[in-house]
């Protein structure tokens, strides 16, 4: 979609966070950054497939470990920027669930995933790397279906990320979610592998016992 078409959809700017929350609705894909509204195009089918797969996988793991909640396309308020970003996937650990407000997460989620689309390359690889590091998001994953590359960052210090993993294949193991990892090649398979089969591989014998006991 041409940039001029995107601009027409945005409200008069600048606007306050409160005004943005009053204006935006569940059918509008938009984010609020330093008083400006950024409109995002609708996600593609490959984007949605990966979004569903990863969100279900995180949900299964968090239930297995009783470790927190996963949210999809939910606003995250980063006061340092200030911004209301809506990452594709947010993971909030159990000890931080008090950050969940009615319509947004107050402060950084523990793990954030962005799935790259052609119009979001600059935002996901540039703006959000800087913003999430500045706001102390502990772990940030970028999934790029177009190039079949996953890049995982871990917070080295406020404002600075280290690369935890980058590649088209191999194992990306989270530092935030102890024991959780993905084999990057799973994301490029057609069809995507069944969640229960992947969970058996990640969770091993402990997961098998948990399923039987549950």
C-alpha atoms as a PDB file:
ATOM      1  CA  UNK A   1       0.000   0.000   0.000  1.00  0.00           C
ATOM      2  CA  UNK A   2       1.475   3.394  -0.956  1.00  0.00           C
ATOM      3  CA  UNK A   3       2.690   5.593   1.879  1.00  0.00           C
ATOM      4  CA  UNK A   4       0.284   8.370   0.901  1.00  0.00           C
ATOM      5  CA  UNK A   5      -2.668   6.020   1.382  1.00  0.00           C
ATOM      6  CA  UNK A   6      -1.381   5.090   4.819  1.00  0.00           C
ATOM      7  CA  UNK A   7      -1.057   8.765   5.781  1.00  0.00           C
ATOM      8  CA  UNK A   8      -4.683   9.548   4.842  1.00  0.00           C
ATOM      9  CA  UNK A   9      -5.928   7.041   7.417  1.00  0.00           C
ATOM     10  CA  UNK A  10      -4.067   8.652  10.328  1.00  0.00           C
ATOM     11  CA  UNK A  11      -5.896  11.168  12.549  1.00  0.00           C
ATOM     12  CA  UNK A  12      -4.799  14.748  13.063  1.00  0.00           C
ATOM     13  CA  UNK A  13      -1.453  14.793  14.818  1.00  0.00           C
ATOM     14  CA  UNK A  14       0.196  15.170  17.264  1.00  0.00           C
ATOM     15  CA  UNK A  15      -2.171  13.588  19.769  1.00  0.00           C
ATOM     16  CA  UNK A  16      -1.978  12.413  23.370  1.00  0.00           C
ATOM     17  CA  UNK A  17      -1.838   8.774  24.372  1.00  0.00           C
ATOM     18  CA  UNK A  18      -5.337   9.097  25.857  1.00  0.00           C
ATOM     19  CA  UNK A  19      -6.693  10.536  22.601  1.00  0.00           C
ATOM     20  CA  UNK A  20      -5.035   7.760  20.616  1.00  0.00           C
ATOM     21  CA  UNK A  21      -6.579   5.058  22.813  1.00  0.00           C
ATOM     22  CA  UNK A  22      -9.977   6.681  22.396  1.00  0.00           C
ATOM     23  CA  UNK A  23      -9.548   6.869  18.595  1.00  0.00           C
ATOM     24  CA  UNK A  24      -8.075   3.432  17.865  1.00  0.00           C
ATOM     25  CA  UNK A  25     -10.270   0.326  17.707  1.00  0.00           C
ATOM     26  CA  UNK A  26      -9.738  -3.413  17.335  1.00  0.00           C
ATOM     27  CA  UNK A  27     -10.009  -3.193  13.545  1.00  0.00           C
ATOM     28  CA  UNK A  28      -7.267  -0.550  13.208  1.00  0.00           C
ATOM     29  CA  UNK A  29      -3.627  -1.606  13.091  1.00  0.00           C
ATOM     30  CA  UNK A  30      -1.776   1.400  14.444  1.00  0.00           C
ATOM     31  CA  UNK A  31       0.850   2.413  16.983  1.00  0.00           C
ATOM     32  CA  UNK A  32       1.466   5.671  18.868  1.00  0.00           C
ATOM     33  CA  UNK A  33       5.038   6.989  19.030  1.00  0.00           C
ATOM     34  CA  UNK A  34       5.988  10.334  20.552  1.00  0.00           C
ATOM     35  CA  UNK A  35       2.572  11.798  19.772  1.00  0.00           C
ATOM     36  CA  UNK A  36       2.484  10.534  16.184  1.00  0.00           C
ATOM     37  CA  UNK A  37       0.287   7.736  14.835  1.00  0.00           C
ATOM     38  CA  UNK A  38       1.856   5.052  12.656  1.00  0.00           C
ATOM     39  CA  UNK A  39      -0.631   3.074  10.540  1.00  0.00           C
ATOM     40  CA  UNK A  40       0.330  -0.492   9.645  1.00  0.00           C
ATOM     41  CA  UNK A  41      -0.945  -2.532   6.713  1.00  0.00           C
ATOM     42  CA  UNK A  42      -2.890  -5.744   7.169  1.00  0.00           C
ATOM     43  CA  UNK A  43      -0.774  -8.814   7.839  1.00  0.00           C
ATOM     44  CA  UNK A  44      -0.238 -11.400   5.101  1.00  0.00           C
ATOM     45  CA  UNK A  45      -1.246 -15.051   5.348  1.00  0.00           C
ATOM     46  CA  UNK A  46       2.395 -16.248   5.853  1.00  0.00           C
ATOM     47  CA  UNK A  47       2.734 -13.628   8.605  1.00  0.00           C
ATOM     48  CA  UNK A  48      -0.426 -14.866  10.310  1.00  0.00           C
ATOM     49  CA  UNK A  49       0.595 -18.514  10.040  1.00  0.00           C
ATOM     50  CA  UNK A  50       3.851 -17.858  11.885  1.00  0.00           C
ATOM     51  CA  UNK A  51       2.085 -15.584  14.386  1.00  0.00           C
ATOM     52  CA  UNK A  52      -0.396 -18.314  15.279  1.00  0.00           C
ATOM     53  CA  UNK A  53       2.245 -21.023  15.454  1.00  0.00           C
ATOM     54  CA  UNK A  54       4.557 -19.076  17.764  1.00  0.00           C
ATOM     55  CA  UNK A  55       1.780 -17.714  19.974  1.00  0.00           C
ATOM     56  CA  UNK A  56       0.313 -21.208  20.453  1.00  0.00           C
ATOM     57  CA  UNK A  57       3.790 -22.567  21.156  1.00  0.00           C
ATOM     58  CA  UNK A  58       4.514 -19.896  23.770  1.00  0.00           C
ATOM     59  CA  UNK A  59       1.073 -20.479  25.308  1.00  0.00           C
ATOM     60  CA  UNK A  60       1.671 -24.224  25.544  1.00  0.00           C
ATOM     61  CA  UNK A  61       5.084 -23.692  27.150  1.00  0.00           C
ATOM     62  CA  UNK A  62       3.836 -21.096  29.636  1.00  0.00           C
ATOM     63  CA  UNK A  63       0.978 -23.371  30.698  1.00  0.00           C
ATOM     64  CA  UNK A  64       3.365 -26.309  31.034  1.00  0.00           C
ATOM     65  CA  UNK A  65       5.712 -24.309  33.263  1.00  0.00           C
ATOM     66  CA  UNK A  66       3.008 -22.130  34.885  1.00  0.00           C
ATOM     67  CA  UNK A  67       5.285 -19.264  33.901  1.00  0.00           C
ATOM     68  CA  UNK A  68       3.134 -16.374  32.619  1.00  0.00           C
ATOM     69  CA  UNK A  69       0.949 -15.273  29.730  1.00  0.00           C
ATOM     70  CA  UNK A  70       1.302 -14.672  26.013  1.00  0.00           C
ATOM     71  CA  UNK A  71      -0.519 -11.804  24.292  1.00  0.00           C
ATOM     72  CA  UNK A  72      -0.973 -11.073  20.592  1.00  0.00           C
ATOM     73  CA  UNK A  73      -0.931  -7.590  19.019  1.00  0.00           C
ATOM     74  CA  UNK A  74      -1.488  -5.926  22.394  1.00  0.00           C
ATOM     75  CA  UNK A  75      -0.265  -2.429  23.195  1.00  0.00           C
ATOM     76  CA  UNK A  76       2.881  -2.104  25.288  1.00  0.00           C
ATOM     77  CA  UNK A  77       3.347   1.302  26.928  1.00  0.00           C
ATOM     78  CA  UNK A  78       6.995   2.347  26.948  1.00  0.00           C
ATOM     79  CA  UNK A  79       7.142   5.562  28.967  1.00  0.00           C
ATOM     80  CA  UNK A  80      10.812   6.158  28.115  1.00  0.00           C
ATOM     81  CA  UNK A  81      10.042   6.770  24.426  1.00  0.00           C
ATOM     82  CA  UNK A  82       7.047   7.480  24.970  1.00  0.00           C
ATOM     83  CA  UNK A  83       5.131   5.011  22.823  1.00  0.00           C
ATOM     84  CA  UNK A  84       2.353   2.478  22.562  1.00  0.00           C
ATOM     85  CA  UNK A  85       3.773  -0.276  20.411  1.00  0.00           C
ATOM     86  CA  UNK A  86       1.693  -3.326  19.477  1.00  0.00           C
ATOM     87  CA  UNK A  87       4.170  -6.178  18.955  1.00  0.00           C
ATOM     88  CA  UNK A  88       2.991  -9.287  17.176  1.00  0.00           C
ATOM     89  CA  UNK A  89       3.661 -11.370  20.301  1.00  0.00           C
ATOM     90  CA  UNK A  90       4.354 -10.350  23.906  1.00  0.00           C
ATOM     91  CA  UNK A  91       5.293 -12.723  26.706  1.00  0.00           C
ATOM     92  CA  UNK A  92       4.807 -11.507  30.282  1.00  0.00           C
ATOM     93  CA  UNK A  93       6.289 -13.704  32.988  1.00  0.00           C
ATOM     94  CA  UNK A  94       4.252 -14.702  36.019  1.00  0.00           C
ATOM     95  CA  UNK A  95       6.115 -12.378  38.373  1.00  0.00           C
ATOM     96  CA  UNK A  96       5.290  -9.399  36.127  1.00  0.00           C
ATOM     97  CA  UNK A  97       1.590 -10.009  35.463  1.00  0.00           C
ATOM     98  CA  UNK A  98       0.714  -6.899  37.481  1.00  0.00           C
ATOM     99  CA  UNK A  99       1.871  -4.966  34.400  1.00  0.00           C
ATOM    100  CA  UNK A 100      -1.255  -6.073  32.528  1.00  0.00           C
ATOM    101  CA  UNK A 101      -3.733  -3.204  32.392  1.00  0.00           C
ATOM    102  CA  UNK A 102      -7.136  -3.110  30.706  1.00  0.00           C
ATOM    103  CA  UNK A 103      -5.940  -2.285  27.182  1.00  0.00           C
ATOM    104  CA  UNK A 104      -2.132  -2.367  27.364  1.00  0.00           C
ATOM    105  CA  UNK A 105       0.900  -3.709  29.161  1.00  0.00           C
ATOM    106  CA  UNK A 106       2.393  -1.034  31.405  1.00  0.00           C
ATOM    107  CA  UNK A 107       6.119  -1.202  30.851  1.00  0.00           C
ATOM    108  CA  UNK A 108       8.181  -3.741  28.936  1.00  0.00           C
ATOM    109  CA  UNK A 109       7.059  -7.285  28.279  1.00  0.00           C
ATOM    110  CA  UNK A 110       9.683  -9.908  29.089  1.00  0.00           C
ATOM    111  CA  UNK A 111       9.937 -11.202  25.525  1.00  0.00           C
ATOM    112  CA  UNK A 112       8.702  -9.497  22.363  1.00  0.00           C
ATOM    113  CA  UNK A 113       8.415 -10.976  18.861  1.00  0.00           C
ATOM    114  CA  UNK A 114       7.976  -8.962  15.672  1.00  0.00           C
ATOM    115  CA  UNK A 115       7.245 -10.712  12.365  1.00  0.00           C
ATOM    116  CA  UNK A 116       8.647  -8.662   9.493  1.00  0.00           C
ATOM    117  CA  UNK A 117       6.501  -7.582   6.569  1.00  0.00           C
ATOM    118  CA  UNK A 118       7.755  -5.558   3.583  1.00  0.00           C
ATOM    119  CA  UNK A 119       6.442  -2.291   5.044  1.00  0.00           C
ATOM    120  CA  UNK A 120       7.819  -2.934   8.558  1.00  0.00           C
ATOM    121  CA  UNK A 121      11.499  -3.606   7.791  1.00  0.00           C
ATOM    122  CA  UNK A 122      12.769  -0.193   8.949  1.00  0.00           C
ATOM    123  CA  UNK A 123      10.514  -0.240  11.996  1.00  0.00           C
ATOM    124  CA  UNK A 124      11.341  -3.780  13.153  1.00  0.00           C
ATOM    125  CA  UNK A 125      15.089  -3.778  12.457  1.00  0.00           C
ATOM    126  CA  UNK A 126      15.718  -0.117  13.294  1.00  0.00           C
ATOM    127  CA  UNK A 127      13.243   1.883  15.358  1.00  0.00           C
ATOM    128  CA  UNK A 128      12.077  -0.963  17.548  1.00  0.00           C
ATOM    129  CA  UNK A 129      15.558  -2.319  18.251  1.00  0.00           C
ATOM    130  CA  UNK A 130      16.496   1.094  19.637  1.00  0.00           C
ATOM    131  CA  UNK A 131      13.217   1.649  21.470  1.00  0.00           C
ATOM    132  CA  UNK A 132      12.977  -1.807  23.026  1.00  0.00           C
ATOM    133  CA  UNK A 133      16.592  -1.652  24.199  1.00  0.00           C
ATOM    134  CA  UNK A 134      16.042   1.813  25.664  1.00  0.00           C
ATOM    135  CA  UNK A 135      12.862   0.614  27.425  1.00  0.00           C
ATOM    136  CA  UNK A 136      14.715  -2.470  28.773  1.00  0.00           C
ATOM    137  CA  UNK A 137      12.754  -5.179  27.003  1.00  0.00           C
ATOM    138  CA  UNK A 138      14.864  -8.179  28.107  1.00  0.00           C
ATOM    139  CA  UNK A 139      14.533 -10.188  24.886  1.00  0.00           C
ATOM    140  CA  UNK A 140      13.478  -9.234  21.350  1.00  0.00           C
ATOM    141  CA  UNK A 141      13.023 -11.687  18.488  1.00  0.00           C
ATOM    142  CA  UNK A 142      12.685 -10.624  14.845  1.00  0.00           C
ATOM    143  CA  UNK A 143      11.209 -13.254  12.529  1.00  0.00           C
ATOM    144  CA  UNK A 144      11.738 -12.397   8.849  1.00  0.00           C
ATOM    145  CA  UNK A 145       9.705 -14.782   6.640  1.00  0.00           C
ATOM    146  CA  UNK A 146      10.826 -13.066   3.417  1.00  0.00           C
ATOM    147  CA  UNK A 147      14.483 -13.921   4.032  1.00  0.00           C
ATOM    148  CA  UNK A 148      13.771 -16.882   6.318  1.00  0.00           C
ATOM    149  CA  UNK A 149      15.960 -15.426   9.045  1.00  0.00           C
ATOM    150  CA  UNK A 150      15.429 -15.176  12.800  1.00  0.00           C
ATOM    151  CA  UNK A 151      17.376 -12.632  14.861  1.00  0.00           C
ATOM    152  CA  UNK A 152      17.173 -12.808  18.651  1.00  0.00           C
ATOM    153  CA  UNK A 153      18.479 -10.019  20.880  1.00  0.00           C
ATOM    154  CA  UNK A 154      19.142 -10.113  24.609  1.00  0.00           C
ATOM    155  CA  UNK A 155      19.540  -6.998  26.729  1.00  0.00           C
ATOM    156  CA  UNK A 156      23.192  -6.348  27.608  1.00  0.00           C
ATOM    157  CA  UNK A 157      22.471  -3.111  29.463  1.00  0.00           C
ATOM    158  CA  UNK A 158      19.823  -0.370  29.196  1.00  0.00           C
ATOM    159  CA  UNK A 159      19.876   0.882  25.618  1.00  0.00           C
ATOM    160  CA  UNK A 160      22.069  -1.912  24.240  1.00  0.00           C
ATOM    161  CA  UNK A 161      21.297  -5.367  22.868  1.00  0.00           C
ATOM    162  CA  UNK A 162      23.599  -8.285  22.172  1.00  0.00           C
ATOM    163  CA  UNK A 163      22.736 -10.746  19.398  1.00  0.00           C
ATOM    164  CA  UNK A 164      21.694 -14.020  20.993  1.00  0.00           C
ATOM    165  CA  UNK A 165      21.081 -15.811  17.685  1.00  0.00           C
ATOM    166  CA  UNK A 166      20.883 -14.995  13.992  1.00  0.00           C
ATOM    167  CA  UNK A 167      20.347 -17.374  11.123  1.00  0.00           C
ATOM    168  CA  UNK A 168      18.088 -19.309   8.790  1.00  0.00           C
ATOM    169  CA  UNK A 169      18.454 -22.546  10.722  1.00  0.00           C
ATOM    170  CA  UNK A 170      19.667 -23.722  14.088  1.00  0.00           C
ATOM    171  CA  UNK A 171      18.444 -23.505  17.666  1.00  0.00           C
ATOM    172  CA  UNK A 172      17.470 -20.207  19.292  1.00  0.00           C
ATOM    173  CA  UNK A 173      17.274 -20.717  23.067  1.00  0.00           C
ATOM    174  CA  UNK A 174      15.596 -18.054  25.165  1.00  0.00           C
ATOM    175  CA  UNK A 175      17.392 -16.551  28.145  1.00  0.00           C
ATOM    176  CA  UNK A 176      14.143 -15.144  29.532  1.00  0.00           C
ATOM    177  CA  UNK A 177      12.144 -18.401  29.419  1.00  0.00           C
ATOM    178  CA  UNK A 178      14.388 -21.021  30.959  1.00  0.00           C
ATOM    179  CA  UNK A 179      14.365 -24.223  28.932  1.00  0.00           C
ATOM    180  CA  UNK A 180      12.435 -22.790  25.975  1.00  0.00           C
ATOM    181  CA  UNK A 181      13.926 -22.943  22.491  1.00  0.00           C
ATOM    182  CA  UNK A 182      12.886 -23.234  18.873  1.00  0.00           C
ATOM    183  CA  UNK A 183      14.473 -24.859  15.885  1.00  0.00           C
ATOM    184  CA  UNK A 184      14.339 -21.990  13.391  1.00  0.00           C
ATOM    185  CA  UNK A 185      13.697 -24.312  10.448  1.00  0.00           C
ATOM    186  CA  UNK A 186      10.283 -25.115  11.933  1.00  0.00           C
ATOM    187  CA  UNK A 187       9.069 -21.650  10.926  1.00  0.00           C
ATOM    188  CA  UNK A 188       9.740 -22.187   7.227  1.00  0.00           C
ATOM    189  CA  UNK A 189       8.069 -25.602   6.942  1.00  0.00           C
ATOM    190  CA  UNK A 190       4.915 -26.071   4.879  1.00  0.00           C
ATOM    191  CA  UNK A 191       2.779 -27.001   6.679  1.00  0.00           C
ATOM    192  CA  UNK A 192       4.087 -25.847  10.028  1.00  0.00           C
ATOM    193  CA  UNK A 193       4.737 -28.711  12.460  1.00  0.00           C
ATOM    194  CA  UNK A 194       2.017 -29.647  14.981  1.00  0.00           C
ATOM    195  CA  UNK A 195       2.345 -27.844  18.313  1.00  0.00           C
ATOM    196  CA  UNK A 196       2.037 -31.046  20.357  1.00  0.00           C
ATOM    197  CA  UNK A 197       4.936 -32.626  18.450  1.00  0.00           C
ATOM    198  CA  UNK A 198       7.133 -29.549  18.889  1.00  0.00           C
ATOM    199  CA  UNK A 199       6.300 -29.359  22.598  1.00  0.00           C
ATOM    200  CA  UNK A 200       7.311 -32.987  23.070  1.00  0.00           C
ATOM    201  CA  UNK A 201      10.680 -32.129  21.541  1.00  0.00           C
ATOM    202  CA  UNK A 202      11.199 -28.954  23.588  1.00  0.00           C
ATOM    203  CA  UNK A 203       9.810 -30.216  26.881  1.00  0.00           C
ATOM    204  CA  UNK A 204      11.173 -33.732  26.706  1.00  0.00           C
ATOM    205  CA  UNK A 205      10.237 -36.309  29.332  1.00  0.00           C
ATOM    206  CA  UNK A 206       8.986 -33.671  31.788  1.00  0.00           C
ATOM    207  CA  UNK A 207       6.383 -32.532  29.271  1.00  0.00           C
ATOM    208  CA  UNK A 208       5.300 -36.089  28.513  1.00  0.00           C
ATOM    209  CA  UNK A 209       4.763 -36.749  32.253  1.00  0.00           C
ATOM    210  CA  UNK A 210       2.879 -33.463  32.648  1.00  0.00           C
ATOM    211  CA  UNK A 211       0.503 -34.385  29.809  1.00  0.00           C
ATOM    212  CA  UNK A 212      -0.151 -37.817  31.314  1.00  0.00           C
ATOM    213  CA  UNK A 213      -0.730 -36.404  34.788  1.00  0.00           C
ATOM    214  CA  UNK A 214      -2.975 -33.627  33.477  1.00  0.00           C
END
